[in-house]
Amino acid sequence: MIQKSKRVEAFGTTIFHEINLLAAEYGAVNLGQGKPDFDGPEPVIEGAVAALRDSAHNQYADGRGLEALRIAIAQHEDSFYARQLDPDQEIIVTVGATEAIFAAILGLTDPGDEIIVFEPFYDSYVPNILMAGGIPRYCPLHPPAWDFDPDQLRSLFNAKTRAIVVNTPHNPSGKVFSPDELALIAELCLGHDVTIITDEVYEHIVFDEAVHTSMAQIPGVQDRTLRISSLGKTFNVTGWKIGWATGPAELVAGVQRARQFMSFAVAHPLQVGAVQALQLPASYYEALAAMYQAKRDRLVNALQQANLKPATPAGSYFVMADFSAVYEDDDKAFAQWLIREAGVASIPPTVFYSPPNQHIVSKQARFAFCKSDATLDEAAARLQALGQRI
């Protein structure tokens, strides 16, 4: 009998696909998937358009990534993190951060290794670990501050621990890990010889007094940290799927040995546009954070008006909100109910937790505010109308 492989048998349709279909059916304002409904900077778009018209850029790029882009990434790392990287040995361009994460797990761990993840986790982490034959170990974050228990984290480290995945600023909670938290992670990784894989795609989207610190800046762990980021979140071009991994040559080589058999090379013209993006002035990043902070405040206020209890995020472009005051069932039922009754789509976050810990967020919903002000205002009006009815 012909059937799918056992390694994918347990993976169903993603929650994003399910919510998107239901939102379309009911004409809902979709605050589910983290997909901006506005475009990236014009110079970035025009850079890619010009490259498309140049035949030299319509063929395979260097499998490591376009040299000009690797140099631009190195300059970015130096500007923001005071890291001097070799573009030829310590930087690799990937098909989005998602490919970088999977390639890192495949290239830096072996079957049977344990890999620690904080939950809620980005939805690809655990499937990546399982497909690589690894064993995920979970450290839950607890609302509303999204803290973790240091003793619980310590208990997860043992002789089988090979890697830890750290996502900051964090999706979906909006948490920005503090230097003290990162220092504890660094101490544990040093003590147990563990590789650190960081997902920092929201690195430039932080608010108020929050400051993003990279694990690659923590003393003592630079030689065991692989830092992953991407173009999509910072420049509002999520569809381009351009990411990168930076770090010690040995770690980057492990990533490249895995990913060269996935996609080989990233879209050449879009890499040219990416160079234009990373050459934008520092003022761009300041304006980006200010724009998203205003959108955050807009959505937080709307959720409060609907009798929901949002936890104001310090980073990323997501808000988690407690809906227990307005709905009795779990998060999946709430997401469906909100689409039908209010015409607003959210994501149920239990899908980002292991089954034993899903109760932690069974009364939470995730909303994305990477939307135009008109979209957010329409969502606010619908949420306010729902709040008045209930």
Protein backbone atom coordinates (compact mmCIF):
# COMPACT_ATOMS: atom_id res chain seq x y z
CA MET A 1 0.00 0.00 0.00
CA ILE A 2 1.35 3.41 -1.00
CA GLN A 3 1.37 5.86 1.90
CA LYS A 4 3.14 8.90 3.24
CA SER A 5 6.27 8.48 5.33
CA LYS A 6 6.10 7.95 9.06
CA ARG A 7 8.21 11.05 9.67
CA VAL A 8 5.38 13.30 8.43
CA GLU A 9 2.42 11.15 9.43
CA ALA A 10 1.73 13.12 12.62
CA PHE A 11 1.90 16.52 10.91
CA GLY A 12 -1.53 17.82 9.98
CA THR A 13 -2.55 20.99 8.16
CA THR A 14 -1.06 24.07 9.78
CA ILE A 15 -3.31 26.21 11.96
CA PHE A 16 -2.54 29.16 9.68
CA HIS A 17 -4.11 27.39 6.70
CA GLU A 18 -7.20 26.48 8.72
CA ILE A 19 -7.69 29.99 10.10
CA ASN A 20 -7.06 31.64 6.73
CA LEU A 21 -9.73 29.48 5.09
CA LEU A 22 -12.29 30.22 7.81
CA ALA A 23 -11.46 33.93 7.76
CA ALA A 24 -11.99 34.04 3.99
CA GLU A 25 -15.30 32.20 4.32
CA TYR A 26 -16.66 34.78 6.80
CA GLY A 27 -14.96 37.85 5.33
CA ALA A 28 -13.05 38.38 8.56
CA VAL A 29 -10.32 40.93 9.17
CA ASN A 30 -7.36 38.58 9.36
CA LEU A 31 -5.07 39.33 12.31
CA GLY A 32 -3.90 35.73 12.36
CA GLN A 33 -0.85 35.20 10.18
CA GLY A 34 2.09 37.59 10.60
CA LYS A 35 1.86 38.85 7.03
CA PRO A 36 1.91 42.63 6.44
CA ASP A 37 -0.75 44.06 4.15
CA PHE A 38 1.56 46.88 3.06
CA ASP A 39 4.70 46.88 0.92
CA GLY A 40 8.38 47.17 1.65
CA PRO A 41 10.53 50.28 1.03
CA GLU A 42 10.46 51.46 -2.57
CA PRO A 43 14.28 51.43 -3.08
CA VAL A 44 14.31 47.79 -2.00
CA ILE A 45 11.53 46.82 -4.41
CA GLU A 46 13.11 48.79 -7.24
CA GLY A 47 16.47 47.14 -6.60
CA ALA A 48 14.90 43.72 -7.17
CA VAL A 49 12.96 44.92 -10.23
CA ALA A 50 16.12 46.28 -11.83
CA ALA A 51 17.89 43.00 -11.12
CA LEU A 52 15.11 41.05 -12.84
CA ARG A 53 15.74 43.08 -15.99
CA ASP A 54 19.45 42.26 -15.90
CA SER A 55 20.02 38.81 -17.40
CA ALA A 56 23.10 38.29 -15.24
CA HIS A 57 20.87 38.14 -12.18
CA ASN A 58 18.39 35.61 -13.53
CA GLN A 59 20.70 32.63 -13.12
CA TYR A 60 21.91 30.76 -10.03
CA ALA A 61 23.62 32.86 -7.41
CA ASP A 62 26.52 31.55 -5.33
CA GLY A 63 25.14 28.75 -3.17
CA ARG A 64 26.45 30.54 -0.07
CA GLY A 65 24.55 33.67 -1.06
CA LEU A 66 25.37 36.63 -3.28
CA GLU A 67 28.76 38.02 -2.25
CA ALA A 68 27.44 41.58 -2.06
CA LEU A 69 24.65 40.40 0.27
CA ARG A 70 27.03 38.49 2.53
CA ILE A 71 29.15 41.63 2.79
CA ALA A 72 26.05 43.71 3.58
CA ILE A 73 25.03 41.23 6.29
CA ALA A 74 28.53 41.43 7.77
CA GLN A 75 28.27 45.23 7.87
CA HIS A 76 24.86 44.95 9.55
CA GLU A 77 26.27 42.61 12.20
CA ASP A 78 29.14 44.99 12.85
CA SER A 79 26.87 48.05 13.07
CA PHE A 80 24.34 46.55 15.48
CA TYR A 81 26.29 43.90 17.40
CA ALA A 82 29.96 44.85 17.00
CA ARG A 83 30.66 41.48 15.38
CA GLN A 84 33.39 41.28 12.77
CA LEU A 85 32.47 38.36 10.53
CA ASP A 86 34.16 36.82 7.51
CA PRO A 87 31.57 36.97 4.69
CA ASP A 88 33.10 33.90 3.05
CA GLN A 89 33.23 31.60 6.08
CA GLU A 90 30.84 32.92 8.70
CA ILE A 91 27.70 33.92 6.78
CA ILE A 92 25.24 31.85 4.75
CA VAL A 93 22.13 33.08 2.92
CA THR A 94 19.05 30.85 3.09
CA VAL A 95 15.48 30.61 1.82
CA GLY A 96 14.09 32.52 4.76
CA ALA A 97 14.90 31.99 8.42
CA THR A 98 12.72 28.87 8.31
CA GLU A 99 15.19 27.06 6.06
CA ALA A 100 18.09 28.32 8.17
CA ILE A 101 16.52 26.82 11.30
CA PHE A 102 15.85 23.44 9.68
CA ALA A 103 19.31 23.33 8.12
CA ALA A 104 20.85 24.25 11.48
CA ILE A 105 19.06 21.41 13.24
CA LEU A 106 19.99 18.96 10.49
CA GLY A 107 23.57 20.19 10.23
CA LEU A 108 24.40 20.65 13.90
CA THR A 109 22.62 17.76 15.66
CA ASP A 110 22.33 14.00 15.28
CA PRO A 111 19.43 11.55 15.70
CA GLY A 112 18.79 10.91 19.38
CA ASP A 113 20.14 14.29 20.50
CA GLU A 114 17.95 16.39 22.78
CA ILE A 115 17.14 19.95 21.73
CA ILE A 116 15.60 22.43 24.16
CA VAL A 117 12.91 24.84 22.95
CA PHE A 118 10.96 27.49 24.81
CA GLU A 119 7.23 27.21 24.36
CA PRO A 120 5.20 28.74 22.85
CA PHE A 121 7.49 28.00 19.90
CA TYR A 122 7.45 29.01 16.26
CA ASP A 123 5.52 26.22 14.57
CA SER A 124 8.39 24.79 12.49
CA TYR A 125 10.82 24.14 15.36
CA VAL A 126 9.40 20.89 16.68
CA PRO A 127 8.62 19.31 13.29
CA ASN A 128 12.19 20.17 12.25
CA ILE A 129 13.59 18.47 15.34
CA LEU A 130 11.41 15.38 14.87
CA MET A 131 12.24 15.04 11.17
CA ALA A 132 15.94 15.25 12.06
CA GLY A 133 15.48 12.41 14.56
CA GLY A 134 16.01 14.68 17.56
CA ILE A 135 14.13 14.76 20.84
CA PRO A 136 12.49 18.08 21.78
CA ARG A 137 12.58 19.13 25.44
CA TYR A 138 10.27 21.94 26.48
CA CYS A 139 10.65 24.94 28.77
CA PRO A 140 7.32 26.76 29.03
CA LEU A 141 6.86 30.51 29.23
CA HIS A 142 4.02 31.63 31.51
CA PRO A 143 1.65 34.57 30.90
CA PRO A 144 1.20 37.41 31.45
CA ALA A 145 4.92 38.27 31.78
CA TRP A 146 5.98 35.20 29.78
CA ASP A 147 8.64 34.25 32.30
CA PHE A 148 10.27 30.83 32.61
CA ASP A 149 11.32 28.95 35.72
CA PRO A 150 15.15 28.97 35.89
CA ASP A 151 15.18 25.69 37.83
CA GLN A 152 12.96 24.05 35.25
CA LEU A 153 15.32 25.17 32.49
CA ARG A 154 18.30 23.80 34.44
CA SER A 155 16.57 20.45 34.82
CA LEU A 156 16.36 20.01 31.04
CA PHE A 157 20.12 20.06 30.50
CA ASN A 158 21.90 16.71 30.60
CA ALA A 159 24.54 14.67 28.76
CA LYS A 160 22.18 14.18 25.78
CA THR A 161 21.48 17.88 25.28
CA ARG A 162 23.00 19.02 21.98
CA ALA A 163 21.34 22.36 21.27
CA ILE A 164 18.89 24.98 22.47
CA VAL A 165 16.72 27.23 20.29
CA VAL A 166 16.28 30.78 21.60
CA ASN A 167 13.78 33.09 19.89
CA THR A 168 14.02 36.76 20.91
CA PRO A 169 12.13 39.01 20.38
CA HIS A 170 9.71 36.16 20.82
CA ASN A 171 6.88 34.96 18.59
CA PRO A 172 4.10 34.69 19.70
CA SER A 173 4.40 36.25 23.17
CA GLY A 174 6.23 39.47 22.30
CA LYS A 175 8.74 38.77 25.08
CA VAL A 176 12.24 40.22 24.77
CA PHE A 177 14.66 38.03 26.71
CA SER A 178 16.63 40.02 29.27
CA PRO A 179 20.45 40.00 29.48
CA ASP A 180 20.13 38.11 32.79
CA GLU A 181 18.00 35.41 31.18
CA LEU A 182 20.43 35.12 28.28
CA ALA A 183 23.35 34.94 30.70
CA LEU A 184 21.70 32.00 32.50
CA ILE A 185 21.19 30.24 29.16
CA ALA A 186 24.82 30.91 28.28
CA GLU A 187 26.02 29.51 31.63
CA LEU A 188 24.04 26.31 31.15
CA CYS A 189 25.21 25.88 27.56
CA LEU A 190 28.83 26.35 28.55
CA GLY A 191 28.49 23.87 31.38
CA HIS A 192 26.95 21.19 29.17
CA ASP A 193 28.75 21.93 25.87
CA VAL A 194 25.52 22.89 24.08
CA THR A 195 25.13 24.71 20.75
CA ILE A 196 22.90 27.80 20.75
CA ILE A 197 20.64 28.41 17.75
CA THR A 198 19.02 31.84 17.90
CA ASP A 199 16.02 33.04 15.91
CA GLU A 200 16.19 36.84 15.89
CA VAL A 201 13.97 37.77 12.94
CA TYR A 202 12.21 40.49 15.00
CA GLU A 203 15.52 42.02 16.11
CA HIS A 204 14.59 45.54 15.01
CA ILE A 205 10.99 45.51 16.24
CA VAL A 206 11.26 46.40 19.94
CA PHE A 207 9.30 48.96 21.95
CA ASP A 208 9.41 51.39 24.85
CA GLU A 209 12.53 50.81 26.93
CA ALA A 210 13.17 47.29 25.66
CA VAL A 211 16.55 46.57 24.07
CA HIS A 212 17.24 43.51 21.96
CA THR A 213 20.35 41.62 23.07
CA SER A 214 21.67 38.85 20.87
CA MET A 215 23.03 35.64 22.38
CA ALA A 216 26.03 36.29 20.13
CA GLN A 217 26.82 39.29 22.36
CA ILE A 218 26.91 37.27 25.59
CA PRO A 219 30.51 36.73 26.75
CA GLY A 220 31.82 33.19 26.45
CA VAL A 221 29.30 31.74 23.98
CA GLN A 222 30.15 33.48 20.71
CA ASP A 223 31.97 30.37 19.51
CA ARG A 224 28.90 28.18 20.02
CA THR A 225 26.14 30.54 18.84
CA LEU A 226 24.51 30.46 15.40
CA ARG A 227 22.49 33.64 14.87
CA ILE A 228 19.58 33.51 12.40
CA SER A 229 17.65 36.46 11.01
CA SER A 230 15.86 37.47 7.82
CA LEU A 231 14.77 40.26 5.53
CA GLY A 232 11.01 39.67 5.65
CA LYS A 233 10.07 41.05 9.07
CA THR A 234 12.38 44.05 9.06
CA PHE A 235 11.60 45.20 5.52
CA ASN A 236 7.99 43.98 5.11
CA VAL A 237 8.79 41.55 2.29
CA THR A 238 7.87 38.21 3.88
CA GLY A 239 7.17 36.70 0.47
CA TRP A 240 10.80 37.09 -0.60
CA LYS A 241 11.93 34.38 1.83
CA ILE A 242 15.49 35.61 2.32
CA GLY A 243 17.20 34.70 5.56
CA TRP A 244 20.71 34.17 6.84
CA ALA A 245 22.74 32.42 9.47
CA THR A 246 25.90 33.88 10.97
CA GLY A 247 28.44 32.51 13.40
CA PRO A 248 31.65 30.51 13.73
CA ALA A 249 32.84 28.96 10.48
CA GLU A 250 32.36 25.40 11.76
CA LEU A 251 28.70 26.01 12.64
CA VAL A 252 28.00 27.83 9.38
CA ALA A 253 29.64 24.97 7.46
CA GLY A 254 27.27 22.51 9.16
CA VAL A 255 24.29 24.59 8.08
CA GLN A 256 25.56 24.86 4.52
CA ARG A 257 26.22 21.14 4.20
CA ALA A 258 22.57 20.49 5.01
CA ARG A 259 20.89 23.34 3.11
CA GLN A 260 22.86 22.89 -0.14
CA PHE A 261 20.68 19.84 -0.76
CA MET A 262 17.45 21.66 0.05
CA SER A 263 17.44 24.68 -2.23
CA PHE A 264 21.10 25.09 -3.28
CA ALA A 265 20.70 28.82 -3.99
CA VAL A 266 18.36 31.66 -3.05
CA ALA A 267 16.48 33.76 -5.66
CA HIS A 268 19.20 35.90 -7.26
CA PRO A 269 17.24 39.11 -8.10
CA LEU A 270 15.72 39.23 -4.61
CA GLN A 271 19.18 39.02 -3.08
CA VAL A 272 20.09 42.14 -5.05
CA GLY A 273 17.07 43.86 -3.50
CA ALA A 274 18.18 42.60 -0.09
CA VAL A 275 21.50 44.38 -0.53
CA GLN A 276 19.57 47.62 -1.09
CA ALA A 277 17.58 46.95 2.09
CA LEU A 278 20.61 46.45 4.30
CA GLN A 279 22.14 49.65 2.97
CA LEU A 280 19.26 51.81 4.24
CA PRO A 281 20.29 54.33 6.92
CA ALA A 282 19.92 53.76 10.67
CA SER A 283 16.92 56.10 10.66
CA TYR A 284 14.97 53.40 8.82
CA TYR A 285 15.16 51.04 11.80
CA GLU A 286 14.11 53.79 14.21
CA ALA A 287 11.09 54.61 12.07
CA LEU A 288 10.20 50.92 11.77
CA ALA A 289 10.08 50.45 15.55
CA ALA A 290 8.08 53.66 16.00
CA MET A 291 5.58 52.62 13.34
CA TYR A 292 5.02 49.22 14.91
CA GLN A 293 4.79 50.63 18.42
CA ALA A 294 1.92 52.86 17.27
CA LYS A 295 0.22 49.87 15.67
CA ARG A 296 0.76 47.82 18.83
CA ASP A 297 -0.90 50.50 20.94
CA ARG A 298 -3.78 50.72 18.48
CA LEU A 299 -4.48 46.99 18.73
CA VAL A 300 -3.93 46.73 22.49
CA ASN A 301 -6.51 49.49 23.00
CA ALA A 302 -8.97 47.73 20.67
CA LEU A 303 -8.60 44.45 22.54
CA GLN A 304 -9.14 46.17 25.87
CA GLN A 305 -12.31 47.80 24.52
CA ALA A 306 -13.58 44.31 23.65
CA ASN A 307 -13.11 43.14 27.28
CA LEU A 308 -10.04 41.08 26.37
CA LYS A 309 -6.87 41.30 28.47
CA PRO A 310 -3.83 41.83 26.25
CA ALA A 311 -0.27 41.56 27.55
CA THR A 312 1.53 44.54 26.02
CA PRO A 313 4.45 43.07 24.04
CA ALA A 314 7.99 44.42 24.30
CA GLY A 315 8.85 43.25 20.80
CA SER A 316 7.74 41.42 17.61
CA TYR A 317 4.40 42.29 15.99
CA PHE A 318 2.07 40.04 17.96
CA VAL A 319 -0.16 40.54 20.97
CA MET A 320 -1.32 37.72 23.22
CA ALA A 321 -4.66 38.35 24.93
CA ASP A 322 -6.60 36.53 27.66
CA PHE A 323 -10.20 35.99 26.51
CA SER A 324 -11.51 34.21 29.64
CA ALA A 325 -13.80 37.14 30.53
CA VAL A 326 -15.77 36.82 27.30
CA TYR A 327 -15.65 33.14 26.28
CA GLU A 328 -15.68 29.90 28.28
CA ASP A 329 -14.30 27.29 25.87
CA ASP A 330 -10.68 26.75 24.73
CA ASP A 331 -8.54 28.80 22.35
CA LYS A 332 -9.37 26.87 19.19
CA ALA A 333 -13.09 27.23 19.78
CA PHE A 334 -12.58 30.91 20.62
CA ALA A 335 -10.71 31.56 17.36
CA GLN A 336 -13.57 30.03 15.38
CA TRP A 337 -16.19 31.88 17.44
CA LEU A 338 -14.42 35.23 17.02
CA ILE A 339 -14.33 34.82 13.25
CA ARG A 340 -18.02 33.96 13.11
CA GLU A 341 -19.28 36.47 15.68
CA ALA A 342 -16.93 39.43 15.25
CA GLY A 343 -15.39 38.89 11.83
CA VAL A 344 -11.85 39.04 13.26
CA ALA A 345 -9.29 36.23 12.91
CA SER A 346 -6.68 35.28 15.52
CA ILE A 347 -4.46 32.26 16.10
CA PRO A 348 -5.02 29.77 18.97
CA PRO A 349 -1.61 29.46 20.68
CA THR A 350 -1.99 25.94 22.13
CA VAL A 351 -0.57 24.72 18.80
CA PHE A 352 2.72 26.31 19.89
CA TYR A 353 2.93 24.22 23.08
CA SER A 354 3.57 20.55 23.77
CA PRO A 355 0.37 18.70 24.80
CA PRO A 356 1.21 18.53 28.55
CA ASN A 357 1.59 22.32 28.69
CA GLN A 358 -1.21 23.48 26.41
CA HIS A 359 -3.36 24.36 29.42
CA ILE A 360 -1.04 27.32 30.04
CA VAL A 361 -2.51 29.20 27.05
CA SER A 362 -5.90 27.55 26.63
CA LYS A 363 -7.51 30.95 27.37
CA GLN A 364 -5.18 33.01 25.16
CA ALA A 365 -5.34 34.21 21.56
CA ARG A 366 -2.61 35.66 19.35
CA PHE A 367 -3.27 38.73 17.22
CA ALA A 368 -0.91 40.23 14.61
CA PHE A 369 -0.63 43.99 14.21
CA CYS A 370 1.58 44.05 11.09
CA LYS A 371 -1.36 45.59 9.26
CA SER A 372 -2.31 48.94 7.81
CA ASP A 373 -3.99 51.41 10.14
CA ALA A 374 -7.18 51.03 8.11
CA THR A 375 -7.15 47.26 8.69
CA LEU A 376 -6.50 47.71 12.41
CA ASP A 377 -9.25 50.32 12.67
CA GLU A 378 -11.74 47.99 10.99
CA ALA A 379 -10.74 45.19 13.37
CA ALA A 380 -11.14 47.61 16.31
CA ALA A 381 -14.63 48.58 15.20
CA ARG A 382 -15.66 44.94 14.92
CA LEU A 383 -14.15 44.05 18.29
CA GLN A 384 -15.83 47.04 19.93
CA ALA A 385 -19.19 46.01 18.49
CA LEU A 386 -18.67 42.50 19.87
CA GLY A 387 -17.71 43.92 23.28
CA GLN A 388 -20.91 45.96 23.40
CA ARG A 389 -23.02 42.90 22.56
CA ILE A 390 -21.51 40.73 25.27
